[in-house]
Amino acid sequence: MKSTGLVLTLIVLALVTVMLVPRLMGGGGVAPTPAVFDTGVTLDVALKRSQASGRSVFALVTADWCAPCQSLKRGALVDEQVVAFVESSTEPVYLTDKSGHDVERLGVRAFPTSVIIRDGEIVASLEGAVSAGRYLEWLETHAAAPHASATP
């Protein structure tokens, strides 16, 4: 009987540890939407803004149940350099797995997926969570406005 009680106690302790440690370390639960995104902006609104501003659309497609999504939102998407670039150079839009039609339009196959759209065409997409440095490099490479070619 004593061994059964000990086993149950160890199981309970293990479960509590598994549930609490991530939360205590700041990694548990759903990460807040990064401040750079206005959740009221739809993909269509971002596309219209892009036409007017000449800036690329930066779409983040995420899901609350997706651990890499939460990591990206807590990491790269709150990095000061990434935020500054997104604010100054793109028309950001935040989409979730519940944004069915838009997720299909963007051809999303995995979460998270980041998509750059220029002139109404998808020019790049990145699946998964990456470091802030890698994310900024990807954004600068694909979202920056193309340089006007010099005329002779």
N, C-alpha and C. Protein backbone atom coordinates (compact mmCIF):
# COMPACT_ATOMS: atom_id res chain seq x y z
N MET A 1 0.81 -1.20 0.00
CA MET A 1 0.00 0.00 0.00
C MET A 1 0.85 1.26 0.00
N LYS A 2 1.96 1.22 0.80
CA LYS A 2 2.81 2.40 0.88
C LYS A 2 3.44 2.71 -0.47
N SER A 3 3.82 1.68 -1.21
CA SER A 3 4.46 1.91 -2.51
C SER A 3 3.46 2.53 -3.51
N THR A 4 2.19 2.16 -3.43
CA THR A 4 1.18 2.75 -4.30
C THR A 4 1.01 4.23 -3.99
N GLY A 5 0.99 4.58 -2.72
CA GLY A 5 0.88 5.99 -2.32
C GLY A 5 2.08 6.80 -2.77
N LEU A 6 3.26 6.20 -2.69
CA LEU A 6 4.48 6.87 -3.12
C LEU A 6 4.46 7.09 -4.64
N VAL A 7 4.04 6.10 -5.37
CA VAL A 7 3.95 6.20 -6.83
C VAL A 7 2.96 7.30 -7.23
N LEU A 8 1.80 7.31 -6.59
CA LEU A 8 0.81 8.34 -6.90
C LEU A 8 1.34 9.73 -6.56
N THR A 9 2.02 9.86 -5.43
CA THR A 9 2.60 11.15 -5.05
C THR A 9 3.63 11.60 -6.09
N LEU A 10 4.47 10.70 -6.55
CA LEU A 10 5.47 11.03 -7.57
C LEU A 10 4.82 11.43 -8.89
N ILE A 11 3.76 10.75 -9.25
CA ILE A 11 3.04 11.09 -10.49
C ILE A 11 2.44 12.49 -10.38
N VAL A 12 1.81 12.79 -9.26
CA VAL A 12 1.22 14.12 -9.06
C VAL A 12 2.30 15.18 -9.10
N LEU A 13 3.42 14.96 -8.43
CA LEU A 13 4.53 15.92 -8.44
C LEU A 13 5.05 16.13 -9.85
N ALA A 14 5.18 15.06 -10.62
CA ALA A 14 5.65 15.16 -12.00
C ALA A 14 4.69 15.99 -12.85
N LEU A 15 3.39 15.75 -12.69
CA LEU A 15 2.40 16.50 -13.45
C LEU A 15 2.41 17.97 -13.08
N VAL A 16 2.48 18.27 -11.81
CA VAL A 16 2.53 19.66 -11.35
C VAL A 16 3.78 20.35 -11.91
N THR A 17 4.90 19.66 -11.88
CA THR A 17 6.14 20.22 -12.40
C THR A 17 6.01 20.51 -13.89
N VAL A 18 5.50 19.57 -14.64
CA VAL A 18 5.34 19.75 -16.08
C VAL A 18 4.41 20.92 -16.39
N MET A 19 3.40 21.13 -15.59
CA MET A 19 2.43 22.21 -15.84
C MET A 19 2.95 23.56 -15.35
N LEU A 20 3.67 23.61 -14.26
CA LEU A 20 4.06 24.89 -13.66
C LEU A 20 5.38 25.44 -14.15
N VAL A 21 6.36 24.61 -14.41
CA VAL A 21 7.68 25.11 -14.77
C VAL A 21 7.63 26.00 -16.01
N PRO A 22 6.96 25.62 -17.09
CA PRO A 22 6.93 26.54 -18.24
C PRO A 22 6.30 27.89 -17.89
N ARG A 23 5.27 27.91 -17.09
CA ARG A 23 4.63 29.17 -16.72
C ARG A 23 5.55 30.02 -15.86
N LEU A 24 6.26 29.39 -14.94
CA LEU A 24 7.17 30.13 -14.08
C LEU A 24 8.34 30.71 -14.86
N MET A 25 8.68 30.07 -15.96
CA MET A 25 9.79 30.55 -16.78
C MET A 25 9.30 31.47 -17.89
N GLY A 26 8.04 31.84 -17.89
CA GLY A 26 7.52 32.78 -18.87
C GLY A 26 7.16 32.17 -20.21
N GLY A 27 7.16 30.86 -20.33
CA GLY A 27 6.93 30.25 -21.62
C GLY A 27 5.60 29.57 -21.78
N GLY A 28 4.76 29.57 -20.77
CA GLY A 28 3.51 28.84 -20.86
C GLY A 28 2.37 29.68 -21.37
N GLY A 29 1.38 29.03 -21.88
CA GLY A 29 0.18 29.73 -22.31
C GLY A 29 0.33 30.44 -23.64
N VAL A 30 -0.71 31.14 -23.98
CA VAL A 30 -0.75 31.86 -25.24
C VAL A 30 -0.07 33.22 -25.07
N ALA A 31 0.88 33.48 -25.92
CA ALA A 31 1.58 34.77 -25.88
C ALA A 31 0.64 35.86 -26.38
N PRO A 32 0.77 37.07 -25.85
CA PRO A 32 -0.07 38.16 -26.33
C PRO A 32 0.26 38.50 -27.78
N THR A 33 -0.70 39.08 -28.47
CA THR A 33 -0.46 39.54 -29.83
C THR A 33 0.59 40.64 -29.77
N PRO A 34 1.66 40.53 -30.56
CA PRO A 34 2.68 41.58 -30.54
C PRO A 34 2.08 42.94 -30.89
N ALA A 35 2.57 43.97 -30.20
CA ALA A 35 2.01 45.32 -30.33
C ALA A 35 2.09 45.88 -31.74
N VAL A 36 2.98 45.36 -32.55
CA VAL A 36 3.15 45.87 -33.91
C VAL A 36 1.93 45.57 -34.80
N PHE A 37 1.08 44.66 -34.34
CA PHE A 37 -0.10 44.28 -35.12
C PHE A 37 -1.35 44.93 -34.56
N ASP A 38 -2.14 45.55 -35.43
CA ASP A 38 -3.47 46.04 -35.09
C ASP A 38 -4.41 44.91 -35.47
N THR A 39 -4.99 44.26 -34.48
CA THR A 39 -5.80 43.08 -34.76
C THR A 39 -7.08 43.39 -35.54
N GLY A 40 -7.39 44.65 -35.71
CA GLY A 40 -8.57 45.01 -36.49
C GLY A 40 -8.31 45.08 -37.98
N VAL A 41 -7.05 44.94 -38.39
CA VAL A 41 -6.71 45.03 -39.81
C VAL A 41 -6.87 43.66 -40.46
N THR A 42 -7.62 43.61 -41.53
CA THR A 42 -7.81 42.37 -42.28
C THR A 42 -6.77 42.30 -43.39
N LEU A 43 -6.64 41.15 -44.00
CA LEU A 43 -5.72 41.01 -45.13
C LEU A 43 -6.10 41.96 -46.25
N ASP A 44 -7.39 42.08 -46.54
CA ASP A 44 -7.82 42.98 -47.61
C ASP A 44 -7.48 44.44 -47.29
N VAL A 45 -7.65 44.85 -46.04
CA VAL A 45 -7.30 46.22 -45.65
C VAL A 45 -5.79 46.43 -45.79
N ALA A 46 -5.00 45.46 -45.35
CA ALA A 46 -3.54 45.57 -45.47
C ALA A 46 -3.12 45.66 -46.94
N LEU A 47 -3.78 44.89 -47.80
CA LEU A 47 -3.46 44.95 -49.24
C LEU A 47 -3.79 46.32 -49.82
N LYS A 48 -4.91 46.91 -49.42
CA LYS A 48 -5.26 48.26 -49.89
C LYS A 48 -4.26 49.28 -49.37
N ARG A 49 -3.89 49.17 -48.11
CA ARG A 49 -2.90 50.09 -47.54
C ARG A 49 -1.56 49.96 -48.28
N SER A 50 -1.23 48.73 -48.64
CA SER A 50 0.02 48.48 -49.36
C SER A 50 0.01 49.18 -50.72
N GLN A 51 -1.11 49.13 -51.41
CA GLN A 51 -1.22 49.81 -52.70
C GLN A 51 -1.00 51.31 -52.54
N ALA A 52 -1.58 51.87 -51.49
CA ALA A 52 -1.47 53.32 -51.26
C ALA A 52 -0.07 53.72 -50.78
N SER A 53 0.55 52.92 -49.94
CA SER A 53 1.83 53.30 -49.34
C SER A 53 3.05 52.83 -50.12
N GLY A 54 2.88 51.80 -50.94
CA GLY A 54 4.02 51.23 -51.65
C GLY A 54 4.82 50.26 -50.79
N ARG A 55 4.38 50.04 -49.55
CA ARG A 55 5.08 49.11 -48.66
C ARG A 55 4.50 47.71 -48.82
N SER A 56 5.34 46.72 -48.58
CA SER A 56 4.90 45.32 -48.66
C SER A 56 3.98 44.98 -47.50
N VAL A 57 3.09 44.03 -47.73
CA VAL A 57 2.28 43.48 -46.66
C VAL A 57 3.12 42.42 -45.96
N PHE A 58 3.12 42.46 -44.64
CA PHE A 58 3.76 41.43 -43.82
C PHE A 58 2.65 40.74 -43.05
N ALA A 59 2.34 39.50 -43.43
CA ALA A 59 1.28 38.74 -42.77
C ALA A 59 1.89 37.67 -41.88
N LEU A 60 1.45 37.64 -40.63
CA LEU A 60 1.82 36.58 -39.71
C LEU A 60 0.60 35.71 -39.53
N VAL A 61 0.76 34.41 -39.79
CA VAL A 61 -0.32 33.45 -39.60
C VAL A 61 0.08 32.55 -38.44
N THR A 62 -0.74 32.55 -37.40
CA THR A 62 -0.40 31.89 -36.15
C THR A 62 -1.59 31.12 -35.60
N ALA A 63 -1.37 30.41 -34.52
CA ALA A 63 -2.45 29.67 -33.85
C ALA A 63 -2.15 29.62 -32.36
N ASP A 64 -3.19 29.73 -31.55
CA ASP A 64 -3.02 29.70 -30.10
C ASP A 64 -2.46 28.38 -29.60
N TRP A 65 -2.76 27.28 -30.27
CA TRP A 65 -2.32 25.96 -29.82
C TRP A 65 -0.90 25.63 -30.27
N CYS A 66 -0.29 26.50 -31.03
CA CYS A 66 1.01 26.25 -31.66
C CYS A 66 2.16 26.78 -30.79
N ALA A 67 2.97 25.88 -30.24
CA ALA A 67 4.09 26.30 -29.39
C ALA A 67 5.13 27.14 -30.14
N PRO A 68 5.55 26.78 -31.36
CA PRO A 68 6.49 27.64 -32.08
C PRO A 68 5.92 29.04 -32.35
N CYS A 69 4.61 29.14 -32.54
CA CYS A 69 3.97 30.45 -32.72
C CYS A 69 4.16 31.31 -31.48
N GLN A 70 3.96 30.71 -30.32
CA GLN A 70 4.09 31.45 -29.07
C GLN A 70 5.54 31.88 -28.87
N SER A 71 6.45 31.02 -29.23
CA SER A 71 7.88 31.35 -29.15
C SER A 71 8.23 32.53 -30.05
N LEU A 72 7.72 32.53 -31.27
CA LEU A 72 7.97 33.62 -32.21
C LEU A 72 7.39 34.92 -31.68
N LYS A 73 6.17 34.86 -31.13
CA LYS A 73 5.52 36.07 -30.60
C LYS A 73 6.24 36.61 -29.37
N ARG A 74 6.83 35.74 -28.57
CA ARG A 74 7.56 36.17 -27.37
C ARG A 74 8.99 36.58 -27.68
N GLY A 75 9.50 36.14 -28.81
CA GLY A 75 10.90 36.36 -29.16
C GLY A 75 11.08 37.40 -30.25
N ALA A 76 11.21 36.93 -31.47
CA ALA A 76 11.54 37.81 -32.60
C ALA A 76 10.55 38.95 -32.79
N LEU A 77 9.27 38.70 -32.54
CA LEU A 77 8.26 39.73 -32.82
C LEU A 77 8.15 40.81 -31.75
N VAL A 78 8.95 40.72 -30.70
CA VAL A 78 9.03 41.82 -29.73
C VAL A 78 10.43 42.42 -29.71
N ASP A 79 11.32 41.91 -30.55
CA ASP A 79 12.67 42.47 -30.67
C ASP A 79 12.58 43.89 -31.23
N GLU A 80 13.30 44.82 -30.63
CA GLU A 80 13.20 46.24 -31.01
C GLU A 80 13.51 46.48 -32.48
N GLN A 81 14.54 45.82 -33.01
CA GLN A 81 14.91 46.03 -34.41
C GLN A 81 13.85 45.45 -35.36
N VAL A 82 13.33 44.30 -35.01
CA VAL A 82 12.28 43.68 -35.84
C VAL A 82 11.04 44.57 -35.84
N VAL A 83 10.63 45.02 -34.65
CA VAL A 83 9.45 45.88 -34.53
C VAL A 83 9.64 47.17 -35.32
N ALA A 84 10.81 47.81 -35.19
CA ALA A 84 11.08 49.06 -35.91
C ALA A 84 10.98 48.86 -37.42
N PHE A 85 11.53 47.73 -37.92
CA PHE A 85 11.46 47.47 -39.35
C PHE A 85 10.03 47.25 -39.80
N VAL A 86 9.30 46.42 -39.06
CA VAL A 86 7.91 46.12 -39.43
C VAL A 86 7.09 47.41 -39.46
N GLU A 87 7.25 48.25 -38.44
CA GLU A 87 6.48 49.50 -38.38
C GLU A 87 6.84 50.47 -39.50
N SER A 88 8.10 50.55 -39.86
CA SER A 88 8.53 51.54 -40.85
C SER A 88 8.45 51.07 -42.29
N SER A 89 8.44 49.76 -42.49
CA SER A 89 8.60 49.27 -43.86
C SER A 89 7.50 48.36 -44.37
N THR A 90 6.53 48.01 -43.53
CA THR A 90 5.49 47.07 -43.99
C THR A 90 4.10 47.52 -43.56
N GLU A 91 3.14 46.84 -44.12
CA GLU A 91 1.74 46.93 -43.69
C GLU A 91 1.45 45.61 -43.00
N PRO A 92 1.58 45.56 -41.67
CA PRO A 92 1.44 44.28 -40.98
C PRO A 92 -0.01 43.84 -40.79
N VAL A 93 -0.22 42.54 -40.88
CA VAL A 93 -1.54 41.96 -40.63
C VAL A 93 -1.36 40.66 -39.86
N TYR A 94 -2.20 40.47 -38.86
CA TYR A 94 -2.14 39.32 -37.96
C TYR A 94 -3.31 38.41 -38.26
N LEU A 95 -3.00 37.19 -38.67
CA LEU A 95 -4.04 36.22 -39.01
C LEU A 95 -3.87 34.98 -38.13
N THR A 96 -4.98 34.32 -37.83
CA THR A 96 -4.91 33.10 -37.03
C THR A 96 -5.44 31.93 -37.85
N ASP A 97 -5.30 30.75 -37.27
CA ASP A 97 -5.82 29.55 -37.92
C ASP A 97 -7.32 29.63 -38.14
N LYS A 98 -7.98 30.55 -37.45
CA LYS A 98 -9.43 30.72 -37.60
C LYS A 98 -9.78 31.66 -38.76
N SER A 99 -8.77 32.22 -39.42
CA SER A 99 -8.96 33.11 -40.57
C SER A 99 -8.99 32.28 -41.84
N GLY A 100 -9.82 31.26 -41.86
CA GLY A 100 -9.88 30.24 -42.91
C GLY A 100 -9.58 30.66 -44.32
N HIS A 101 -10.39 31.54 -44.89
CA HIS A 101 -10.23 31.92 -46.30
C HIS A 101 -8.87 32.56 -46.54
N ASP A 102 -8.45 33.46 -45.65
CA ASP A 102 -7.17 34.14 -45.83
C ASP A 102 -6.00 33.18 -45.69
N VAL A 103 -6.10 32.22 -44.78
CA VAL A 103 -5.05 31.22 -44.61
C VAL A 103 -4.92 30.41 -45.90
N GLU A 104 -6.03 30.05 -46.50
CA GLU A 104 -6.02 29.32 -47.78
C GLU A 104 -5.45 30.19 -48.89
N ARG A 105 -5.86 31.46 -48.95
CA ARG A 105 -5.35 32.38 -49.97
C ARG A 105 -3.83 32.48 -49.95
N LEU A 106 -3.27 32.42 -48.75
CA LEU A 106 -1.82 32.55 -48.62
C LEU A 106 -1.08 31.22 -48.77
N GLY A 107 -1.82 30.14 -48.93
CA GLY A 107 -1.20 28.83 -49.12
C GLY A 107 -0.47 28.32 -47.89
N VAL A 108 -0.96 28.69 -46.71
CA VAL A 108 -0.31 28.29 -45.47
C VAL A 108 -0.45 26.78 -45.25
N ARG A 109 0.69 26.14 -44.95
CA ARG A 109 0.70 24.70 -44.71
C ARG A 109 1.18 24.37 -43.31
N ALA A 110 1.74 25.36 -42.61
CA ALA A 110 2.30 25.13 -41.27
C ALA A 110 2.15 26.41 -40.45
N PHE A 111 2.23 26.25 -39.15
CA PHE A 111 2.14 27.38 -38.24
C PHE A 111 3.42 27.47 -37.42
N PRO A 112 3.96 28.63 -37.20
CA PRO A 112 3.59 29.90 -37.80
C PRO A 112 4.13 29.99 -39.23
N THR A 113 3.49 30.81 -40.02
CA THR A 113 3.99 31.15 -41.34
C THR A 113 3.97 32.67 -41.47
N SER A 114 5.08 33.21 -41.94
CA SER A 114 5.19 34.64 -42.21
C SER A 114 5.20 34.80 -43.72
N VAL A 115 4.45 35.77 -44.22
CA VAL A 115 4.30 35.94 -45.66
C VAL A 115 4.53 37.40 -46.02
N ILE A 116 5.28 37.62 -47.10
CA ILE A 116 5.48 38.96 -47.64
C ILE A 116 4.75 39.04 -48.98
N ILE A 117 3.93 40.08 -49.11
CA ILE A 117 3.15 40.29 -50.34
C ILE A 117 3.51 41.67 -50.88
N ARG A 118 3.90 41.71 -52.14
CA ARG A 118 4.21 42.98 -52.79
C ARG A 118 3.43 43.04 -54.10
N ASP A 119 2.77 44.16 -54.33
CA ASP A 119 1.96 44.35 -55.53
C ASP A 119 0.94 43.22 -55.70
N GLY A 120 0.38 42.77 -54.58
CA GLY A 120 -0.66 41.75 -54.60
C GLY A 120 -0.16 40.34 -54.80
N GLU A 121 1.16 40.14 -54.92
CA GLU A 121 1.73 38.82 -55.16
C GLU A 121 2.58 38.39 -53.97
N ILE A 122 2.48 37.12 -53.61
CA ILE A 122 3.34 36.58 -52.55
C ILE A 122 4.76 36.50 -53.10
N VAL A 123 5.69 37.16 -52.41
CA VAL A 123 7.09 37.15 -52.85
C VAL A 123 7.96 36.27 -51.96
N ALA A 124 7.51 36.00 -50.74
CA ALA A 124 8.29 35.14 -49.85
C ALA A 124 7.41 34.64 -48.72
N SER A 125 7.76 33.46 -48.21
CA SER A 125 7.11 32.97 -47.01
C SER A 125 8.14 32.20 -46.19
N LEU A 126 7.93 32.22 -44.88
CA LEU A 126 8.85 31.58 -43.95
C LEU A 126 8.02 30.80 -42.95
N GLU A 127 8.26 29.50 -42.89
CA GLU A 127 7.55 28.65 -41.95
C GLU A 127 8.40 28.44 -40.71
N GLY A 128 7.74 28.49 -39.55
CA GLY A 128 8.42 28.19 -38.30
C GLY A 128 8.90 29.44 -37.57
N ALA A 129 9.40 29.20 -36.37
CA ALA A 129 9.93 30.27 -35.52
C ALA A 129 11.44 30.32 -35.71
N VAL A 130 11.96 31.54 -35.82
CA VAL A 130 13.40 31.73 -35.97
C VAL A 130 13.85 32.82 -35.00
N SER A 131 15.14 32.99 -34.87
CA SER A 131 15.69 34.02 -33.99
C SER A 131 15.37 35.40 -34.53
N ALA A 132 15.48 36.40 -33.68
CA ALA A 132 15.22 37.78 -34.10
C ALA A 132 16.16 38.20 -35.21
N GLY A 133 17.42 37.82 -35.11
CA GLY A 133 18.39 38.19 -36.14
C GLY A 133 18.04 37.60 -37.50
N ARG A 134 17.69 36.34 -37.50
CA ARG A 134 17.31 35.66 -38.75
C ARG A 134 16.01 36.23 -39.31
N TYR A 135 15.08 36.55 -38.43
CA TYR A 135 13.79 37.10 -38.85
C TYR A 135 13.99 38.47 -39.48
N LEU A 136 14.82 39.31 -38.85
CA LEU A 136 15.09 40.64 -39.39
C LEU A 136 15.76 40.54 -40.75
N GLU A 137 16.71 39.63 -40.88
CA GLU A 137 17.40 39.43 -42.16
C GLU A 137 16.39 39.03 -43.24
N TRP A 138 15.48 38.11 -42.90
CA TRP A 138 14.46 37.67 -43.85
C TRP A 138 13.55 38.83 -44.25
N LEU A 139 13.12 39.61 -43.25
CA LEU A 139 12.25 40.76 -43.54
C LEU A 139 12.95 41.77 -44.42
N GLU A 140 14.18 42.11 -44.08
CA GLU A 140 14.92 43.11 -44.86
C GLU A 140 15.14 42.64 -46.29
N THR A 141 15.39 41.35 -46.46
CA THR A 141 15.62 40.80 -47.80
C THR A 141 14.36 40.82 -48.65
N HIS A 142 13.23 40.49 -48.06
CA HIS A 142 12.02 40.30 -48.86
C HIS A 142 10.98 41.41 -48.76
N ALA A 143 10.96 42.15 -47.66
CA ALA A 143 9.90 43.15 -47.48
C ALA A 143 10.33 44.55 -47.85
N ALA A 144 11.63 44.79 -47.89
CA ALA A 144 12.09 46.14 -48.22
C ALA A 144 11.62 46.52 -49.62
N ALA A 145 11.25 47.77 -49.79
CA ALA A 145 10.81 48.24 -51.09
C ALA A 145 11.94 48.09 -52.09
N PRO A 146 11.64 47.60 -53.28
CA PRO A 146 12.70 47.45 -54.28
C PRO A 146 13.26 48.82 -54.64
N HIS A 147 14.57 48.87 -54.84
CA HIS A 147 15.21 50.14 -55.18
C HIS A 147 14.84 50.51 -56.61
N ALA A 148 14.59 51.79 -56.81
CA ALA A 148 14.30 52.26 -58.15
C ALA A 148 15.56 52.12 -58.99
N SER A 149 15.41 51.60 -60.18
CA SER A 149 16.61 51.43 -61.03
C SER A 149 16.99 52.78 -61.60
N ALA A 150 18.27 52.99 -61.69
CA ALA A 150 18.79 54.26 -62.21
C ALA A 150 18.57 54.29 -63.71
N THR A 151 18.17 55.41 -64.21
CA THR A 151 17.98 55.54 -65.65
C THR A 151 19.19 56.24 -66.23
N PRO A 152 19.69 55.77 -67.38
CA PRO A 152 20.89 56.38 -67.98
C PRO A 152 20.64 57.75 -68.52
